[in-house]
Amino acid sequence: MKHNLIREYLIEFATVILLIGVIVTLFGLNCFYTNTVLSTIFGDLSEDIGDWKYWLILIGPILLLTGGWYLYDTFNKIREFKQLVDIDSRSKFIKNLDRIEYLAWRLSSKYEDEVLERKNKLRIRK
């Protein structure tokens, strides 16, 4: 099955979005609170950024939450996938096969390959 680029590198994209969210949020906070530790690190950006500071303070946390959510969700799906695939019982594996295949589809193609290997090992044809 063909995957798109974002699905293949979801952890990396989520990490980048999270880091951009942190940086944009810090820049936005620096514009509103000029006499803090942030202003010694970034300097006085409020005059340079102007009215864009409102957009930074709005977009930064949205990116931060989005990246954090995708990282959290992806790691939870990986954990659940590993738990379901590592079951030694053939009947329990077949019982959970729909969920396993869904998780493999939502994650990268290496997980789909892992499902195929496990199905071959347990002699499951489906």
N, C-alpha and C. Protein backbone atom coordinates (compact mmCIF):
# COMPACT_ATOMS: atom_id res chain seq x y z
N MET A 1 0.84 -1.17 0.00
CA MET A 1 0.00 0.00 0.00
C MET A 1 0.89 1.24 0.00
N LYS A 2 0.51 2.21 -0.77
CA LYS A 2 1.30 3.42 -0.90
C LYS A 2 0.93 4.42 0.20
N HIS A 3 1.95 4.94 0.86
CA HIS A 3 1.75 5.93 1.91
C HIS A 3 2.21 7.29 1.42
N ASN A 4 1.64 8.32 2.01
CA ASN A 4 2.11 9.64 1.68
C ASN A 4 3.29 10.01 2.57
N LEU A 5 3.96 11.06 2.20
CA LEU A 5 5.19 11.47 2.87
C LEU A 5 4.96 11.84 4.33
N ILE A 6 3.87 12.52 4.62
CA ILE A 6 3.60 12.94 5.99
C ILE A 6 3.38 11.73 6.89
N ARG A 7 2.67 10.73 6.39
CA ARG A 7 2.41 9.54 7.20
C ARG A 7 3.69 8.75 7.46
N GLU A 8 4.59 8.74 6.50
CA GLU A 8 5.86 8.02 6.66
C GLU A 8 6.77 8.69 7.69
N TYR A 9 6.72 9.99 7.76
CA TYR A 9 7.61 10.74 8.66
C TYR A 9 6.80 11.57 9.66
N LEU A 10 5.74 11.00 10.20
CA LEU A 10 4.84 11.73 11.09
C LEU A 10 5.53 12.20 12.36
N ILE A 11 6.39 11.37 12.92
CA ILE A 11 7.09 11.76 14.16
C ILE A 11 8.00 12.95 13.89
N GLU A 12 8.71 12.91 12.78
CA GLU A 12 9.61 14.02 12.45
C GLU A 12 8.84 15.31 12.18
N PHE A 13 7.74 15.22 11.41
CA PHE A 13 6.93 16.41 11.13
C PHE A 13 6.31 16.96 12.41
N ALA A 14 5.81 16.10 13.27
CA ALA A 14 5.21 16.56 14.53
C ALA A 14 6.25 17.23 15.42
N THR A 15 7.46 16.70 15.43
CA THR A 15 8.53 17.30 16.22
C THR A 15 8.89 18.68 15.69
N VAL A 16 8.97 18.81 14.37
CA VAL A 16 9.27 20.12 13.77
C VAL A 16 8.16 21.12 14.08
N ILE A 17 6.91 20.70 13.95
CA ILE A 17 5.78 21.60 14.26
C ILE A 17 5.82 22.01 15.73
N LEU A 18 6.13 21.06 16.61
CA LEU A 18 6.23 21.36 18.03
C LEU A 18 7.34 22.38 18.30
N LEU A 19 8.50 22.18 17.71
CA LEU A 19 9.61 23.11 17.92
C LEU A 19 9.32 24.49 17.35
N ILE A 20 8.71 24.54 16.17
CA ILE A 20 8.32 25.84 15.60
C ILE A 20 7.31 26.52 16.52
N GLY A 21 6.37 25.75 17.06
CA GLY A 21 5.40 26.30 18.01
C GLY A 21 6.05 26.88 19.24
N VAL A 22 7.06 26.19 19.76
CA VAL A 22 7.78 26.69 20.94
C VAL A 22 8.48 28.01 20.60
N ILE A 23 9.18 28.05 19.48
CA ILE A 23 9.92 29.25 19.08
C ILE A 23 8.98 30.43 18.83
N VAL A 24 7.90 30.18 18.08
CA VAL A 24 6.95 31.27 17.78
C VAL A 24 6.28 31.75 19.05
N THR A 25 5.94 30.85 19.95
CA THR A 25 5.33 31.25 21.22
C THR A 25 6.31 32.09 22.04
N LEU A 26 7.56 31.68 22.10
CA LEU A 26 8.56 32.46 22.83
C LEU A 26 8.75 33.85 22.23
N PHE A 27 8.78 33.92 20.89
CA PHE A 27 8.87 35.23 20.24
C PHE A 27 7.66 36.10 20.58
N GLY A 28 6.47 35.50 20.54
CA GLY A 28 5.25 36.24 20.88
C GLY A 28 5.25 36.72 22.31
N LEU A 29 5.66 35.85 23.23
CA LEU A 29 5.73 36.26 24.64
C LEU A 29 6.77 37.34 24.85
N ASN A 30 7.87 37.25 24.13
CA ASN A 30 8.93 38.25 24.24
C ASN A 30 8.42 39.64 23.83
N CYS A 31 7.52 39.68 22.87
CA CYS A 31 6.99 40.98 22.42
C CYS A 31 6.09 41.62 23.47
N PHE A 32 5.43 40.81 24.29
CA PHE A 32 4.54 41.35 25.30
C PHE A 32 5.24 41.61 26.63
N TYR A 33 6.23 40.80 26.94
CA TYR A 33 6.95 40.94 28.20
C TYR A 33 8.42 41.25 27.88
N THR A 34 8.74 42.52 27.82
CA THR A 34 10.05 42.93 27.34
C THR A 34 11.14 42.89 28.40
N ASN A 35 10.83 42.94 29.66
CA ASN A 35 11.85 42.94 30.71
C ASN A 35 11.97 41.57 31.37
N THR A 36 12.19 40.55 30.58
CA THR A 36 12.30 39.19 31.12
C THR A 36 13.57 38.54 30.60
N VAL A 37 13.75 37.29 30.98
CA VAL A 37 14.89 36.51 30.49
C VAL A 37 14.82 36.35 28.97
N LEU A 38 13.60 36.26 28.44
CA LEU A 38 13.44 36.12 26.99
C LEU A 38 14.02 37.32 26.24
N SER A 39 13.84 38.50 26.79
CA SER A 39 14.35 39.69 26.10
C SER A 39 15.87 39.72 26.09
N THR A 40 16.51 39.10 27.08
CA THR A 40 17.98 39.03 27.04
C THR A 40 18.45 38.02 26.00
N ILE A 41 17.64 37.00 25.76
CA ILE A 41 18.00 36.00 24.76
C ILE A 41 17.69 36.50 23.35
N PHE A 42 16.48 37.00 23.13
CA PHE A 42 16.04 37.38 21.80
C PHE A 42 16.21 38.87 21.50
N GLY A 43 16.45 39.67 22.50
CA GLY A 43 16.50 41.11 22.28
C GLY A 43 15.09 41.67 22.29
N ASP A 44 14.97 42.95 21.96
CA ASP A 44 13.65 43.58 21.92
C ASP A 44 13.08 43.43 20.52
N LEU A 45 12.21 42.45 20.35
CA LEU A 45 11.62 42.18 19.05
C LEU A 45 10.30 42.90 18.83
N SER A 46 9.72 43.47 19.87
CA SER A 46 8.38 44.03 19.74
C SER A 46 8.31 45.16 18.73
N GLU A 47 9.35 45.96 18.63
CA GLU A 47 9.34 47.05 17.64
C GLU A 47 9.56 46.51 16.23
N ASP A 48 10.39 45.49 16.11
CA ASP A 48 10.66 44.91 14.79
C ASP A 48 9.46 44.14 14.25
N ILE A 49 8.76 43.44 15.12
CA ILE A 49 7.64 42.61 14.69
C ILE A 49 6.37 43.44 14.54
N GLY A 50 6.18 44.42 15.37
CA GLY A 50 5.01 45.29 15.28
C GLY A 50 3.73 44.56 15.66
N ASP A 51 2.70 44.72 14.84
CA ASP A 51 1.41 44.10 15.13
C ASP A 51 1.38 42.60 14.86
N TRP A 52 2.44 42.07 14.29
CA TRP A 52 2.53 40.63 14.06
C TRP A 52 2.61 39.86 15.37
N LYS A 53 2.91 40.55 16.47
CA LYS A 53 3.03 39.88 17.76
C LYS A 53 1.72 39.22 18.17
N TYR A 54 0.60 39.78 17.75
CA TYR A 54 -0.69 39.19 18.07
C TYR A 54 -0.87 37.86 17.33
N TRP A 55 -0.40 37.84 16.09
CA TRP A 55 -0.46 36.59 15.33
C TRP A 55 0.48 35.54 15.91
N LEU A 56 1.65 35.97 16.35
CA LEU A 56 2.60 35.03 16.95
C LEU A 56 2.03 34.41 18.22
N ILE A 57 1.41 35.23 19.05
CA ILE A 57 0.87 34.73 20.31
C ILE A 57 -0.35 33.85 20.07
N LEU A 58 -0.98 33.97 18.91
CA LEU A 58 -2.12 33.11 18.56
C LEU A 58 -1.67 31.82 17.88
N ILE A 59 -0.78 31.95 16.90
CA ILE A 59 -0.36 30.80 16.09
C ILE A 59 0.61 29.90 16.86
N GLY A 60 1.47 30.48 17.67
CA GLY A 60 2.47 29.70 18.41
C GLY A 60 1.87 28.58 19.25
N PRO A 61 0.94 28.90 20.15
CA PRO A 61 0.34 27.82 20.95
C PRO A 61 -0.45 26.81 20.13
N ILE A 62 -1.06 27.26 19.03
CA ILE A 62 -1.77 26.31 18.17
C ILE A 62 -0.79 25.31 17.57
N LEU A 63 0.34 25.79 17.07
CA LEU A 63 1.36 24.88 16.54
C LEU A 63 1.93 23.99 17.64
N LEU A 64 2.13 24.56 18.80
CA LEU A 64 2.66 23.81 19.94
C LEU A 64 1.72 22.67 20.32
N LEU A 65 0.44 22.97 20.43
CA LEU A 65 -0.54 21.94 20.79
C LEU A 65 -0.71 20.91 19.68
N THR A 66 -0.70 21.36 18.43
CA THR A 66 -0.84 20.43 17.30
C THR A 66 0.33 19.46 17.24
N GLY A 67 1.54 19.97 17.31
CA GLY A 67 2.72 19.10 17.28
C GLY A 67 2.76 18.17 18.48
N GLY A 68 2.44 18.69 19.65
CA GLY A 68 2.41 17.85 20.85
C GLY A 68 1.37 16.76 20.77
N TRP A 69 0.19 17.10 20.24
CA TRP A 69 -0.87 16.11 20.12
C TRP A 69 -0.47 15.00 19.15
N TYR A 70 0.08 15.36 17.99
CA TYR A 70 0.46 14.34 17.02
C TYR A 70 1.58 13.44 17.55
N LEU A 71 2.52 14.00 18.28
CA LEU A 71 3.56 13.17 18.90
C LEU A 71 2.95 12.21 19.93
N TYR A 72 2.13 12.73 20.78
CA TYR A 72 1.47 11.91 21.80
C TYR A 72 0.63 10.81 21.16
N ASP A 73 -0.18 11.17 20.18
CA ASP A 73 -1.06 10.21 19.52
C ASP A 73 -0.27 9.14 18.77
N THR A 74 0.78 9.55 18.09
CA THR A 74 1.59 8.60 17.34
C THR A 74 2.30 7.62 18.27
N PHE A 75 2.87 8.11 19.35
CA PHE A 75 3.54 7.20 20.28
C PHE A 75 2.56 6.26 20.97
N ASN A 76 1.33 6.73 21.24
CA ASN A 76 0.30 5.84 21.79
C ASN A 76 -0.08 4.75 20.79
N LYS A 77 -0.21 5.12 19.52
CA LYS A 77 -0.54 4.12 18.49
C LYS A 77 0.59 3.11 18.32
N ILE A 78 1.83 3.57 18.37
CA ILE A 78 2.97 2.65 18.27
C ILE A 78 2.97 1.69 19.45
N ARG A 79 2.74 2.20 20.65
CA ARG A 79 2.70 1.36 21.84
C ARG A 79 1.59 0.32 21.74
N GLU A 80 0.40 0.74 21.33
CA GLU A 80 -0.72 -0.19 21.20
C GLU A 80 -0.44 -1.23 20.11
N PHE A 81 0.15 -0.77 19.00
CA PHE A 81 0.49 -1.69 17.91
C PHE A 81 1.46 -2.77 18.40
N LYS A 82 2.49 -2.36 19.11
CA LYS A 82 3.49 -3.31 19.61
C LYS A 82 2.85 -4.32 20.56
N GLN A 83 1.96 -3.85 21.42
CA GLN A 83 1.28 -4.76 22.35
C GLN A 83 0.42 -5.78 21.61
N LEU A 84 -0.28 -5.33 20.57
CA LEU A 84 -1.16 -6.23 19.84
C LEU A 84 -0.39 -7.20 18.94
N VAL A 85 0.69 -6.75 18.37
CA VAL A 85 1.47 -7.61 17.47
C VAL A 85 2.27 -8.65 18.24
N ASP A 86 2.69 -8.33 19.44
CA ASP A 86 3.52 -9.24 20.22
C ASP A 86 2.74 -10.36 20.90
N ILE A 87 1.46 -10.45 20.63
CA ILE A 87 0.65 -11.54 21.19
C ILE A 87 1.05 -12.84 20.51
N ASP A 88 1.32 -13.87 21.31
CA ASP A 88 1.74 -15.16 20.76
C ASP A 88 0.57 -16.03 20.34
N SER A 89 -0.58 -15.78 20.87
CA SER A 89 -1.75 -16.58 20.55
C SER A 89 -2.29 -16.21 19.17
N ARG A 90 -2.42 -17.23 18.32
CA ARG A 90 -2.93 -17.01 16.96
C ARG A 90 -4.37 -16.51 16.99
N SER A 91 -5.20 -17.08 17.86
CA SER A 91 -6.61 -16.69 17.92
C SER A 91 -6.77 -15.24 18.41
N LYS A 92 -5.97 -14.84 19.40
CA LYS A 92 -6.05 -13.45 19.87
C LYS A 92 -5.54 -12.49 18.80
N PHE A 93 -4.52 -12.91 18.05
CA PHE A 93 -4.01 -12.07 16.97
C PHE A 93 -5.09 -11.87 15.91
N ILE A 94 -5.77 -12.95 15.54
CA ILE A 94 -6.84 -12.86 14.53
C ILE A 94 -7.98 -12.00 15.05
N LYS A 95 -8.30 -12.14 16.34
CA LYS A 95 -9.37 -11.34 16.94
C LYS A 95 -9.05 -9.84 16.85
N ASN A 96 -7.78 -9.48 17.02
CA ASN A 96 -7.36 -8.08 17.00
C ASN A 96 -6.84 -7.62 15.64
N LEU A 97 -6.98 -8.46 14.62
CA LEU A 97 -6.37 -8.17 13.32
C LEU A 97 -6.87 -6.87 12.70
N ASP A 98 -8.16 -6.58 12.81
CA ASP A 98 -8.67 -5.33 12.23
C ASP A 98 -8.01 -4.11 12.87
N ARG A 99 -7.90 -4.12 14.17
CA ARG A 99 -7.25 -2.99 14.87
C ARG A 99 -5.77 -2.92 14.52
N ILE A 100 -5.11 -4.06 14.44
CA ILE A 100 -3.69 -4.09 14.10
C ILE A 100 -3.46 -3.53 12.71
N GLU A 101 -4.29 -3.95 11.76
CA GLU A 101 -4.14 -3.45 10.38
C GLU A 101 -4.46 -1.96 10.29
N TYR A 102 -5.44 -1.50 11.06
CA TYR A 102 -5.75 -0.07 11.08
C TYR A 102 -4.58 0.74 11.63
N LEU A 103 -4.01 0.28 12.74
CA LEU A 103 -2.87 0.99 13.32
C LEU A 103 -1.69 0.97 12.36
N ALA A 104 -1.45 -0.14 11.70
CA ALA A 104 -0.35 -0.22 10.74
C ALA A 104 -0.60 0.74 9.58
N TRP A 105 -1.83 0.87 9.15
CA TRP A 105 -2.16 1.79 8.06
C TRP A 105 -1.97 3.23 8.50
N ARG A 106 -2.33 3.56 9.75
CA ARG A 106 -2.17 4.93 10.25
C ARG A 106 -0.72 5.29 10.49
N LEU A 107 0.10 4.29 10.79
CA LEU A 107 1.53 4.53 11.01
C LEU A 107 2.25 4.35 9.68
N SER A 108 3.54 4.25 9.70
CA SER A 108 4.31 4.16 8.45
C SER A 108 4.27 2.75 7.86
N SER A 109 4.80 2.61 6.67
CA SER A 109 4.74 1.34 5.95
C SER A 109 5.57 0.25 6.61
N LYS A 110 6.53 0.60 7.43
CA LYS A 110 7.30 -0.44 8.12
C LYS A 110 6.42 -1.24 9.06
N TYR A 111 5.37 -0.64 9.59
CA TYR A 111 4.44 -1.36 10.45
C TYR A 111 3.56 -2.29 9.64
N GLU A 112 3.21 -1.91 8.43
CA GLU A 112 2.47 -2.81 7.54
C GLU A 112 3.31 -4.03 7.20
N ASP A 113 4.60 -3.79 6.95
CA ASP A 113 5.50 -4.92 6.69
C ASP A 113 5.61 -5.83 7.90
N GLU A 114 5.62 -5.26 9.08
CA GLU A 114 5.68 -6.05 10.31
C GLU A 114 4.43 -6.91 10.47
N VAL A 115 3.27 -6.36 10.09
CA VAL A 115 2.03 -7.13 10.15
C VAL A 115 2.10 -8.31 9.17
N LEU A 116 2.57 -8.06 7.97
CA LEU A 116 2.69 -9.14 6.99
C LEU A 116 3.63 -10.24 7.47
N GLU A 117 4.76 -9.86 8.06
CA GLU A 117 5.69 -10.85 8.61
C GLU A 117 5.04 -11.67 9.72
N ARG A 118 4.32 -10.98 10.58
CA ARG A 118 3.67 -11.68 11.70
C ARG A 118 2.58 -12.61 11.20
N LYS A 119 1.84 -12.19 10.17
CA LYS A 119 0.81 -13.05 9.60
C LYS A 119 1.43 -14.30 8.95
N ASN A 120 2.54 -14.11 8.29
CA ASN A 120 3.24 -15.26 7.71
C ASN A 120 3.74 -16.20 8.80
N LYS A 121 4.27 -15.65 9.87
CA LYS A 121 4.79 -16.46 10.96
C LYS A 121 3.69 -17.29 11.62
N LEU A 122 2.51 -16.68 11.76
CA LEU A 122 1.37 -17.37 12.38
C LEU A 122 0.53 -18.14 11.36
N ARG A 123 0.94 -18.12 10.09
CA ARG A 123 0.25 -18.81 8.99
C ARG A 123 -1.20 -18.35 8.86
N ILE A 124 -1.36 -17.03 8.77
CA ILE A 124 -2.67 -16.43 8.59
C ILE A 124 -2.76 -15.90 7.17
N ARG A 125 -3.80 -16.31 6.47
CA ARG A 125 -4.00 -15.84 5.09
C ARG A 125 -5.26 -15.00 5.06
N LYS A 126 -5.05 -13.72 4.91
CA LYS A 126 -6.19 -12.80 4.84
C LYS A 126 -5.74 -11.50 4.28
